[in-house]
């Protein structure tokens, strides 16, 4: 079972969107599903939880307060830990691209 360490959650409340570090040399970004689960939409402020040396590649959206982060869809074990809602997804992105 992968280990997830919560780095931060959106100040809007709840458990999503959120940013996690893992023991897989990757970050998990949990947000609103985009691109068939290969990307998530998250508030830009969530990026402030990344620790020194962590780099997240983002795509701008029409809404300047949100960004799109693409990655590999999280596996079943991670999805079970996060208890994703139907409109949510989690993607894995390299911790240090």
PDB file of N, CA and C in Angstrom:
ATOM      1  N   UNK A   1       0.847  -1.175   0.000  1.00  0.00           N
ATOM      2  CA  UNK A   1       0.000   0.000   0.000  1.00  0.00           C
ATOM      3  C   UNK A   1       0.896   1.244   0.000  1.00  0.00           C
ATOM      4  N   UNK A   2       0.697   2.157  -0.940  1.00  0.00           N
ATOM      5  CA  UNK A   2       1.534   3.364  -0.977  1.00  0.00           C
ATOM      6  C   UNK A   2       1.280   4.245   0.247  1.00  0.00           C
ATOM      7  N   UNK A   3       2.319   4.930   0.659  1.00  0.00           N
ATOM      8  CA  UNK A   3       2.210   5.867   1.770  1.00  0.00           C
ATOM      9  C   UNK A   3       1.951   7.258   1.208  1.00  0.00           C
ATOM     10  N   UNK A   4       0.923   7.929   1.709  1.00  0.00           N
ATOM     11  CA  UNK A   4       0.619   9.295   1.304  1.00  0.00           C
ATOM     12  C   UNK A   4       0.817  10.221   2.494  1.00  0.00           C
ATOM     13  N   UNK A   5       1.483  11.341   2.239  1.00  0.00           N
ATOM     14  CA  UNK A   5       1.674  12.360   3.273  1.00  0.00           C
ATOM     15  C   UNK A   5       1.035  13.649   2.770  1.00  0.00           C
ATOM     16  N   UNK A   6       0.003  14.088   3.462  1.00  0.00           N
ATOM     17  CA  UNK A   6      -0.715  15.286   3.064  1.00  0.00           C
ATOM     18  C   UNK A   6       0.186  16.501   3.190  1.00  0.00           C
ATOM     19  N   UNK A   7       0.327  17.227   2.080  1.00  0.00           N
ATOM     20  CA  UNK A   7       1.087  18.478   2.100  1.00  0.00           C
ATOM     21  C   UNK A   7       0.163  19.659   2.329  1.00  0.00           C
ATOM     22  N   UNK A   8      -1.043  19.586   1.748  1.00  0.00           N
ATOM     23  CA  UNK A   8      -1.980  20.680   1.931  1.00  0.00           C
ATOM     24  C   UNK A   8      -3.288  20.434   1.221  1.00  0.00           C
ATOM     25  N   UNK A   9      -4.299  21.108   1.727  1.00  0.00           N
ATOM     26  CA  UNK A   9      -5.650  21.025   1.186  1.00  0.00           C
ATOM     27  C   UNK A   9      -6.092  22.435   0.837  1.00  0.00           C
ATOM     28  N   UNK A  10      -6.928  22.555  -0.166  1.00  0.00           N
ATOM     29  CA  UNK A  10      -7.461  23.854  -0.545  1.00  0.00           C
ATOM     30  C   UNK A  10      -8.142  24.504   0.657  1.00  0.00           C
ATOM     31  N   UNK A  11      -7.967  25.801   0.817  1.00  0.00           N
ATOM     32  CA  UNK A  11      -8.612  26.482   1.942  1.00  0.00           C
ATOM     33  C   UNK A  11     -10.129  26.545   1.812  1.00  0.00           C
ATOM     34  N   UNK A  12     -10.671  26.037   0.710  1.00  0.00           N
ATOM     35  CA  UNK A  12     -12.114  26.059   0.512  1.00  0.00           C
ATOM     36  C   UNK A  12     -12.812  24.999   1.346  1.00  0.00           C
ATOM     37  N   UNK A  13     -12.038  24.113   1.985  1.00  0.00           N
ATOM     38  CA  UNK A  13     -12.615  23.109   2.871  1.00  0.00           C
ATOM     39  C   UNK A  13     -12.725  21.743   2.231  1.00  0.00           C
ATOM     40  N   UNK A  14     -12.995  20.733   3.047  1.00  0.00           N
ATOM     41  CA  UNK A  14     -13.112  19.365   2.555  1.00  0.00           C
ATOM     42  C   UNK A  14     -11.753  18.747   2.302  1.00  0.00           C
ATOM     43  N   UNK A  15     -11.751  17.566   1.706  1.00  0.00           N
ATOM     44  CA  UNK A  15     -10.512  16.866   1.433  1.00  0.00           C
ATOM     45  C   UNK A  15     -10.038  17.006   0.008  1.00  0.00           C
ATOM     46  N   UNK A  16     -10.698  17.823  -0.771  1.00  0.00           N
ATOM     47  CA  UNK A  16     -10.352  17.990  -2.182  1.00  0.00           C
ATOM     48  C   UNK A  16     -10.554  19.445  -2.543  1.00  0.00           C
ATOM     49  N   UNK A  17      -9.668  20.002  -3.309  1.00  0.00           N
ATOM     50  CA  UNK A  17      -8.423  19.482  -3.842  1.00  0.00           C
ATOM     51  C   UNK A  17      -7.349  19.387  -2.760  1.00  0.00           C
ATOM     52  N   UNK A  18      -6.391  18.496  -3.034  1.00  0.00           N
ATOM     53  CA  UNK A  18      -5.314  18.289  -2.078  1.00  0.00           C
ATOM     54  C   UNK A  18      -4.038  17.877  -2.805  1.00  0.00           C
ATOM     55  N   UNK A  19      -2.931  18.063  -2.113  1.00  0.00           N
ATOM     56  CA  UNK A  19      -1.617  17.706  -2.642  1.00  0.00           C
ATOM     57  C   UNK A  19      -0.946  16.782  -1.636  1.00  0.00           C
ATOM     58  N   UNK A  20      -0.430  15.646  -2.131  1.00  0.00           N
ATOM     59  CA  UNK A  20       0.201  14.641  -1.279  1.00  0.00           C
ATOM     60  C   UNK A  20       1.598  14.311  -1.801  1.00  0.00           C
ATOM     61  N   UNK A  21       2.507  14.034  -0.894  1.00  0.00           N
ATOM     62  CA  UNK A  21       3.794  13.440  -1.229  1.00  0.00           C
ATOM     63  C   UNK A  21       3.617  11.934  -1.053  1.00  0.00           C
ATOM     64  N   UNK A  22       4.428  11.135  -1.721  1.00  0.00           N
ATOM     65  CA  UNK A  22       4.309   9.680  -1.624  1.00  0.00           C
ATOM     66  C   UNK A  22       5.679   9.054  -1.456  1.00  0.00           C
ATOM     67  N   UNK A  23       5.675   7.760  -1.218  1.00  0.00           N
ATOM     68  CA  UNK A  23       6.927   7.002  -1.189  1.00  0.00           C
ATOM     69  C   UNK A  23       7.244   6.448  -2.581  1.00  0.00           C
ATOM     70  N   UNK A  24       6.571   6.962  -3.602  1.00  0.00           N
ATOM     71  CA  UNK A  24       6.748   6.504  -4.983  1.00  0.00           C
ATOM     72  C   UNK A  24       7.572   7.477  -5.814  1.00  0.00           C
ATOM     73  N   UNK A  25       8.285   8.432  -5.155  1.00  0.00           N
ATOM     74  CA  UNK A  25       9.031   9.485  -5.835  1.00  0.00           C
ATOM     75  C   UNK A  25       8.116  10.297  -6.750  1.00  0.00           C
ATOM     76  N   UNK A  26       6.881  10.499  -6.281  1.00  0.00           N
ATOM     77  CA  UNK A  26       5.894  11.261  -7.038  1.00  0.00           C
ATOM     78  C   UNK A  26       4.971  11.991  -6.079  1.00  0.00           C
ATOM     79  N   UNK A  27       4.318  13.000  -6.612  1.00  0.00           N
ATOM     80  CA  UNK A  27       3.278  13.704  -5.882  1.00  0.00           C
ATOM     81  C   UNK A  27       1.934  13.227  -6.396  1.00  0.00           C
ATOM     82  N   UNK A  28       0.938  13.239  -5.538  1.00  0.00           N
ATOM     83  CA  UNK A  28      -0.431  12.957  -5.954  1.00  0.00           C
ATOM     84  C   UNK A  28      -1.193  14.267  -5.859  1.00  0.00           C
ATOM     85  N   UNK A  29      -1.827  14.641  -6.967  1.00  0.00           N
ATOM     86  CA  UNK A  29      -2.661  15.833  -6.993  1.00  0.00           C
ATOM     87  C   UNK A  29      -4.101  15.357  -7.140  1.00  0.00           C
ATOM     88  N   UNK A  30      -4.920  15.714  -6.170  1.00  0.00           N
ATOM     89  CA  UNK A  30      -6.325  15.291  -6.094  1.00  0.00           C
ATOM     90  C   UNK A  30      -7.165  16.521  -6.387  1.00  0.00           C
ATOM     91  N   UNK A  31      -7.978  16.438  -7.442  1.00  0.00           N
ATOM     92  CA  UNK A  31      -8.790  17.592  -7.813  1.00  0.00           C
ATOM     93  C   UNK A  31      -9.978  17.191  -8.656  1.00  0.00           C
ATOM     94  N   UNK A  32     -10.545  18.178  -9.330  1.00  0.00           N
ATOM     95  CA  UNK A  32     -11.695  17.935 -10.195  1.00  0.00           C
ATOM     96  C   UNK A  32     -11.228  17.280 -11.493  1.00  0.00           C
ATOM     97  N   UNK A  33     -11.892  16.184 -11.871  1.00  0.00           N
ATOM     98  CA  UNK A  33     -11.519  15.388 -13.042  1.00  0.00           C
ATOM     99  C   UNK A  33     -11.508  16.239 -14.320  1.00  0.00           C
ATOM    100  N   UNK A  34     -10.471  16.041 -15.120  1.00  0.00           N
ATOM    101  CA  UNK A  34     -10.350  16.665 -16.442  1.00  0.00           C
ATOM    102  C   UNK A  34      -9.665  15.668 -17.364  1.00  0.00           C
ATOM    103  N   UNK A  35      -9.905  15.790 -18.642  1.00  0.00           N
ATOM    104  CA  UNK A  35      -9.252  14.932 -19.649  1.00  0.00           C
ATOM    105  C   UNK A  35      -9.337  13.448 -19.298  1.00  0.00           C
ATOM    106  N   UNK A  36     -10.512  12.961 -19.062  1.00  0.00           N
ATOM    107  CA  UNK A  36     -10.725  11.538 -18.778  1.00  0.00           C
ATOM    108  C   UNK A  36      -9.848  11.013 -17.638  1.00  0.00           C
ATOM    109  N   UNK A  37      -9.599  11.845 -16.648  1.00  0.00           N
ATOM    110  CA  UNK A  37      -8.833  11.404 -15.482  1.00  0.00           C
ATOM    111  C   UNK A  37      -7.327  11.502 -15.631  1.00  0.00           C
ATOM    112  N   UNK A  38      -6.839  12.043 -16.742  1.00  0.00           N
ATOM    113  CA  UNK A  38      -5.391  12.197 -16.914  1.00  0.00           C
ATOM    114  C   UNK A  38      -4.912  13.584 -16.503  1.00  0.00           C
ATOM    115  N   UNK A  39      -5.831  14.396 -16.002  1.00  0.00           N
ATOM    116  CA  UNK A  39      -5.491  15.725 -15.500  1.00  0.00           C
ATOM    117  C   UNK A  39      -6.541  16.123 -14.469  1.00  0.00           C
ATOM    118  N   UNK A  40      -6.162  17.072 -13.623  1.00  0.00           N
ATOM    119  CA  UNK A  40      -7.087  17.584 -12.613  1.00  0.00           C
ATOM    120  C   UNK A  40      -7.038  19.107 -12.613  1.00  0.00           C
ATOM    121  N   UNK A  41      -8.168  19.704 -12.275  1.00  0.00           N
ATOM    122  CA  UNK A  41      -8.251  21.146 -12.074  1.00  0.00           C
ATOM    123  C   UNK A  41      -8.171  21.411 -10.578  1.00  0.00           C
ATOM    124  N   UNK A  42      -7.292  22.333 -10.205  1.00  0.00           N
ATOM    125  CA  UNK A  42      -7.129  22.683  -8.799  1.00  0.00           C
ATOM    126  C   UNK A  42      -6.971  24.192  -8.682  1.00  0.00           C
ATOM    127  N   UNK A  43      -7.281  24.740  -7.499  1.00  0.00           N
ATOM    128  CA  UNK A  43      -7.029  26.167  -7.301  1.00  0.00           C
ATOM    129  C   UNK A  43      -5.528  26.437  -7.295  1.00  0.00           C
ATOM    130  N   UNK A  44      -5.133  27.541  -7.876  1.00  0.00           N
ATOM    131  CA  UNK A  44      -3.719  27.917  -7.947  1.00  0.00           C
ATOM    132  C   UNK A  44      -3.072  27.927  -6.560  1.00  0.00           C
ATOM    133  N   UNK A  45      -3.812  28.314  -5.549  1.00  0.00           N
ATOM    134  CA  UNK A  45      -3.270  28.413  -4.192  1.00  0.00           C
ATOM    135  C   UNK A  45      -2.773  27.060  -3.666  1.00  0.00           C
ATOM    136  N   UNK A  46      -3.301  25.959  -4.208  1.00  0.00           N
ATOM    137  CA  UNK A  46      -2.857  24.633  -3.761  1.00  0.00           C
ATOM    138  C   UNK A  46      -1.359  24.437  -4.021  1.00  0.00           C
ATOM    139  N   UNK A  47      -0.838  25.092  -5.049  1.00  0.00           N
ATOM    140  CA  UNK A  47       0.577  24.954  -5.396  1.00  0.00           C
ATOM    141  C   UNK A  47       1.494  25.465  -4.286  1.00  0.00           C
ATOM    142  N   UNK A  48       0.979  26.340  -3.446  1.00  0.00           N
ATOM    143  CA  UNK A  48       1.811  26.900  -2.377  1.00  0.00           C
ATOM    144  C   UNK A  48       2.195  25.838  -1.343  1.00  0.00           C
ATOM    145  N   UNK A  49       1.523  24.692  -1.360  1.00  0.00           N
ATOM    146  CA  UNK A  49       1.843  23.623  -0.411  1.00  0.00           C
ATOM    147  C   UNK A  49       3.028  22.763  -0.856  1.00  0.00           C
ATOM    148  N   UNK A  50       3.461  22.909  -2.098  1.00  0.00           N
ATOM    149  CA  UNK A  50       4.629  22.143  -2.556  1.00  0.00           C
ATOM    150  C   UNK A  50       5.854  22.571  -1.742  1.00  0.00           C
ATOM    151  N   UNK A  51       6.666  21.613  -1.378  1.00  0.00           N
ATOM    152  CA  UNK A  51       7.847  21.893  -0.568  1.00  0.00           C
ATOM    153  C   UNK A  51       9.014  22.295  -1.452  1.00  0.00           C
ATOM    154  N   UNK A  52      10.027  22.861  -0.845  1.00  0.00           N
ATOM    155  CA  UNK A  52      11.212  23.309  -1.556  1.00  0.00           C
ATOM    156  C   UNK A  52      11.761  22.183  -2.431  1.00  0.00           C
ATOM    157  N   UNK A  53      12.037  22.496  -3.696  1.00  0.00           N
ATOM    158  CA  UNK A  53      12.580  21.521  -4.630  1.00  0.00           C
ATOM    159  C   UNK A  53      11.526  20.768  -5.416  1.00  0.00           C
ATOM    160  N   UNK A  54      10.273  20.815  -4.973  1.00  0.00           N
ATOM    161  CA  UNK A  54       9.201  20.149  -5.719  1.00  0.00           C
ATOM    162  C   UNK A  54       8.722  21.086  -6.826  1.00  0.00           C
ATOM    163  N   UNK A  55       8.566  20.539  -8.018  1.00  0.00           N
ATOM    164  CA  UNK A  55       8.148  21.343  -9.160  1.00  0.00           C
ATOM    165  C   UNK A  55       6.918  20.705  -9.785  1.00  0.00           C
ATOM    166  N   UNK A  56       5.870  21.485  -9.952  1.00  0.00           N
ATOM    167  CA  UNK A  56       4.660  21.004 -10.624  1.00  0.00           C
ATOM    168  C   UNK A  56       4.504  21.763 -11.929  1.00  0.00           C
ATOM    169  N   UNK A  57       4.352  21.033 -13.023  1.00  0.00           N
ATOM    170  CA  UNK A  57       4.116  21.661 -14.318  1.00  0.00           C
ATOM    171  C   UNK A  57       2.623  21.884 -14.455  1.00  0.00           C
ATOM    172  N   UNK A  58       2.253  23.124 -14.736  1.00  0.00           N
ATOM    173  CA  UNK A  58       0.837  23.470 -14.807  1.00  0.00           C
ATOM    174  C   UNK A  58       0.483  24.022 -16.175  1.00  0.00           C
ATOM    175  N   UNK A  59      -0.797  23.978 -16.478  1.00  0.00           N
ATOM    176  CA  UNK A  59      -1.337  24.647 -17.654  1.00  0.00           C
ATOM    177  C   UNK A  59      -2.322  25.686 -17.157  1.00  0.00           C
ATOM    178  N   UNK A  60      -2.257  26.863 -17.721  1.00  0.00           N
ATOM    179  CA  UNK A  60      -3.190  27.919 -17.353  1.00  0.00           C
ATOM    180  C   UNK A  60      -4.584  27.558 -17.844  1.00  0.00           C
ATOM    181  N   UNK A  61      -5.585  28.054 -17.159  1.00  0.00           N
ATOM    182  CA  UNK A  61      -6.970  27.898 -17.580  1.00  0.00           C
ATOM    183  C   UNK A  61      -7.548  29.289 -17.800  1.00  0.00           C
ATOM    184  N   UNK A  62      -8.762  29.336 -18.322  1.00  0.00           N
ATOM    185  CA  UNK A  62      -9.402  30.634 -18.520  1.00  0.00           C
ATOM    186  C   UNK A  62      -9.632  31.341 -17.195  1.00  0.00           C
ATOM    187  N   UNK A  63      -9.856  30.569 -16.153  1.00  0.00           N
ATOM    188  CA  UNK A  63     -10.030  31.106 -14.808  1.00  0.00           C
ATOM    189  C   UNK A  63      -8.648  31.258 -14.192  1.00  0.00           C
ATOM    190  N   UNK A  64      -8.231  32.465 -13.917  1.00  0.00           N
ATOM    191  CA  UNK A  64      -6.867  32.696 -13.414  1.00  0.00           C
ATOM    192  C   UNK A  64      -6.637  32.120 -12.027  1.00  0.00           C
ATOM    193  N   UNK A  65      -7.707  31.729 -11.330  1.00  0.00           N
ATOM    194  CA  UNK A  65      -7.555  31.156  -9.992  1.00  0.00           C
ATOM    195  C   UNK A  65      -7.363  29.645 -10.004  1.00  0.00           C
ATOM    196  N   UNK A  66      -7.509  29.003 -11.176  1.00  0.00           N
ATOM    197  CA  UNK A  66      -7.339  27.553 -11.258  1.00  0.00           C
ATOM    198  C   UNK A  66      -6.273  27.201 -12.287  1.00  0.00           C
ATOM    199  N   UNK A  67      -5.679  26.026 -12.097  1.00  0.00           N
ATOM    200  CA  UNK A  67      -4.681  25.509 -13.033  1.00  0.00           C
ATOM    201  C   UNK A  67      -5.006  24.048 -13.329  1.00  0.00           C
ATOM    202  N   UNK A  68      -4.513  23.574 -14.446  1.00  0.00           N
ATOM    203  CA  UNK A  68      -4.672  22.187 -14.859  1.00  0.00           C
ATOM    204  C   UNK A  68      -3.335  21.489 -14.664  1.00  0.00           C
ATOM    205  N   UNK A  69      -3.365  20.341 -14.002  1.00  0.00           N
ATOM    206  CA  UNK A  69      -2.150  19.554 -13.795  1.00  0.00           C
ATOM    207  C   UNK A  69      -2.382  18.172 -14.391  1.00  0.00           C
ATOM    208  N   UNK A  70      -1.537  17.801 -15.350  1.00  0.00           N
ATOM    209  CA  UNK A  70      -1.654  16.506 -16.016  1.00  0.00           C
ATOM    210  C   UNK A  70      -0.676  15.519 -15.401  1.00  0.00           C
ATOM    211  N   UNK A  71      -1.042  14.245 -15.461  1.00  0.00           N
ATOM    212  CA  UNK A  71      -0.167  13.202 -14.941  1.00  0.00           C
ATOM    213  C   UNK A  71      -0.745  11.835 -15.221  1.00  0.00           C
ATOM    214  N   UNK A  72      -0.099  10.835 -14.680  1.00  0.00           N
ATOM    215  CA  UNK A  72      -0.601   9.471 -14.823  1.00  0.00           C
ATOM    216  C   UNK A  72      -1.742   9.266 -13.830  1.00  0.00           C
ATOM    217  N   UNK A  73      -2.845   8.690 -14.273  1.00  0.00           N
ATOM    218  CA  UNK A  73      -3.950   8.437 -13.326  1.00  0.00           C
ATOM    219  C   UNK A  73      -3.466   7.587 -12.154  1.00  0.00           C
ATOM    220  N   UNK A  74      -3.917   7.954 -10.964  1.00  0.00           N
ATOM    221  CA  UNK A  74      -3.561   7.204  -9.766  1.00  0.00           C
ATOM    222  C   UNK A  74      -4.125   5.793  -9.854  1.00  0.00           C
ATOM    223  N   UNK A  75      -3.400   4.837  -9.275  1.00  0.00           N
ATOM    224  CA  UNK A  75      -3.868   3.448  -9.321  1.00  0.00           C
ATOM    225  C   UNK A  75      -5.002   3.225  -8.325  1.00  0.00           C
ATOM    226  N   UNK A  76      -5.557   2.039  -8.387  1.00  0.00           N
ATOM    227  CA  UNK A  76      -6.716   1.682  -7.558  1.00  0.00           C
ATOM    228  C   UNK A  76      -6.438   1.856  -6.066  1.00  0.00           C
ATOM    229  N   UNK A  77      -5.251   1.497  -5.624  1.00  0.00           N
ATOM    230  CA  UNK A  77      -4.920   1.600  -4.194  1.00  0.00           C
ATOM    231  C   UNK A  77      -4.969   3.048  -3.711  1.00  0.00           C
ATOM    232  N   UNK A  78      -4.414   3.950  -4.501  1.00  0.00           N
ATOM    233  CA  UNK A  78      -4.440   5.366  -4.125  1.00  0.00           C
ATOM    234  C   UNK A  78      -5.866   5.898  -4.183  1.00  0.00           C
ATOM    235  N   UNK A  79      -6.613   5.530  -5.227  1.00  0.00           N
ATOM    236  CA  UNK A  79      -8.008   5.989  -5.323  1.00  0.00           C
ATOM    237  C   UNK A  79      -8.826   5.520  -4.121  1.00  0.00           C
ATOM    238  N   UNK A  80      -8.572   4.313  -3.636  1.00  0.00           N
ATOM    239  CA  UNK A  80      -9.284   3.807  -2.458  1.00  0.00           C
ATOM    240  C   UNK A  80      -8.937   4.628  -1.215  1.00  0.00           C
ATOM    241  N   UNK A  81      -7.682   4.983  -1.059  1.00  0.00           N
ATOM    242  CA  UNK A  81      -7.266   5.783   0.096  1.00  0.00           C
ATOM    243  C   UNK A  81      -7.962   7.148   0.074  1.00  0.00           C
ATOM    244  N   UNK A  82      -8.054   7.746  -1.109  1.00  0.00           N
ATOM    245  CA  UNK A  82      -8.590   9.098  -1.228  1.00  0.00           C
ATOM    246  C   UNK A  82     -10.115   9.153  -1.249  1.00  0.00           C
ATOM    247  N   UNK A  83     -10.772   8.020  -1.471  1.00  0.00           N
ATOM    248  CA  UNK A  83     -12.241   7.988  -1.520  1.00  0.00           C
ATOM    249  C   UNK A  83     -12.787   9.034  -2.502  1.00  0.00           C
ATOM    250  N   UNK A  84     -12.367   8.929  -3.751  1.00  0.00           N
ATOM    251  CA  UNK A  84     -12.726   9.915  -4.766  1.00  0.00           C
ATOM    252  C   UNK A  84     -14.229   9.933  -5.054  1.00  0.00           C
ATOM    253  N   UNK A  85     -14.755  11.133  -5.239  1.00  0.00           N
ATOM    254  CA  UNK A  85     -16.132  11.315  -5.691  1.00  0.00           C
ATOM    255  C   UNK A  85     -16.155  11.127  -7.210  1.00  0.00           C
ATOM    256  N   UNK A  86     -17.339  11.030  -7.798  1.00  0.00           N
ATOM    257  CA  UNK A  86     -17.469  10.784  -9.236  1.00  0.00           C
ATOM    258  C   UNK A  86     -16.813  11.857 -10.107  1.00  0.00           C
ATOM    259  N   UNK A  87     -16.838  13.100  -9.660  1.00  0.00           N
ATOM    260  CA  UNK A  87     -16.279  14.186 -10.468  1.00  0.00           C
ATOM    261  C   UNK A  87     -14.822  14.493 -10.117  1.00  0.00           C
ATOM    262  N   UNK A  88     -14.200  13.654  -9.295  1.00  0.00           N
ATOM    263  CA  UNK A  88     -12.821  13.864  -8.866  1.00  0.00           C
ATOM    264  C   UNK A  88     -11.879  12.852  -9.508  1.00  0.00           C
ATOM    265  N   UNK A  89     -10.610  13.219  -9.537  1.00  0.00           N
ATOM    266  CA  UNK A  89      -9.566  12.313 -10.013  1.00  0.00           C
ATOM    267  C   UNK A  89      -8.298  12.623  -9.234  1.00  0.00           C
ATOM    268  N   UNK A  90      -7.344  11.730  -9.329  1.00  0.00           N
ATOM    269  CA  UNK A  90      -6.025  11.934  -8.737  1.00  0.00           C
ATOM    270  C   UNK A  90      -4.988  11.521  -9.768  1.00  0.00           C
ATOM    271  N   UNK A  91      -3.977  12.350  -9.925  1.00  0.00           N
ATOM    272  CA  UNK A  91      -2.901  12.043 -10.873  1.00  0.00           C
ATOM    273  C   UNK A  91      -1.564  12.035 -10.145  1.00  0.00           C
ATOM    274  N   UNK A  92      -0.680  11.201 -10.643  1.00  0.00           N
ATOM    275  CA  UNK A  92       0.702  11.135 -10.157  1.00  0.00           C
ATOM    276  C   UNK A  92       1.582  11.970 -11.053  1.00  0.00           C
ATOM    277  N   UNK A  93       2.387  12.824 -10.434  1.00  0.00           N
ATOM    278  CA  UNK A  93       3.351  13.626 -11.189  1.00  0.00           C
ATOM    279  C   UNK A  93       4.713  13.464 -10.536  1.00  0.00           C
ATOM    280  N   UNK A  94       5.782  13.476 -11.327  1.00  0.00           N
ATOM    281  CA  UNK A  94       7.117  13.313 -10.750  1.00  0.00           C
ATOM    282  C   UNK A  94       7.386  14.382  -9.686  1.00  0.00           C
ATOM    283  N   UNK A  95       8.001  13.978  -8.587  1.00  0.00           N
ATOM    284  CA  UNK A  95       8.329  14.921  -7.517  1.00  0.00           C
ATOM    285  C   UNK A  95       9.351  15.945  -7.994  1.00  0.00           C
ATOM    286  N   UNK A  96      10.297  15.483  -8.814  1.00  0.00           N
ATOM    287  CA  UNK A  96      11.354  16.360  -9.335  1.00  0.00           C
ATOM    288  C   UNK A  96      11.504  16.077 -10.828  1.00  0.00           C
ATOM    289  N   UNK A  97      10.729  16.782 -11.663  1.00  0.00           N
ATOM    290  CA  UNK A  97      10.785  16.508 -13.115  1.00  0.00           C
ATOM    291  C   UNK A  97      12.147  16.782 -13.715  1.00  0.00           C
TER     292      UNK A  97
END
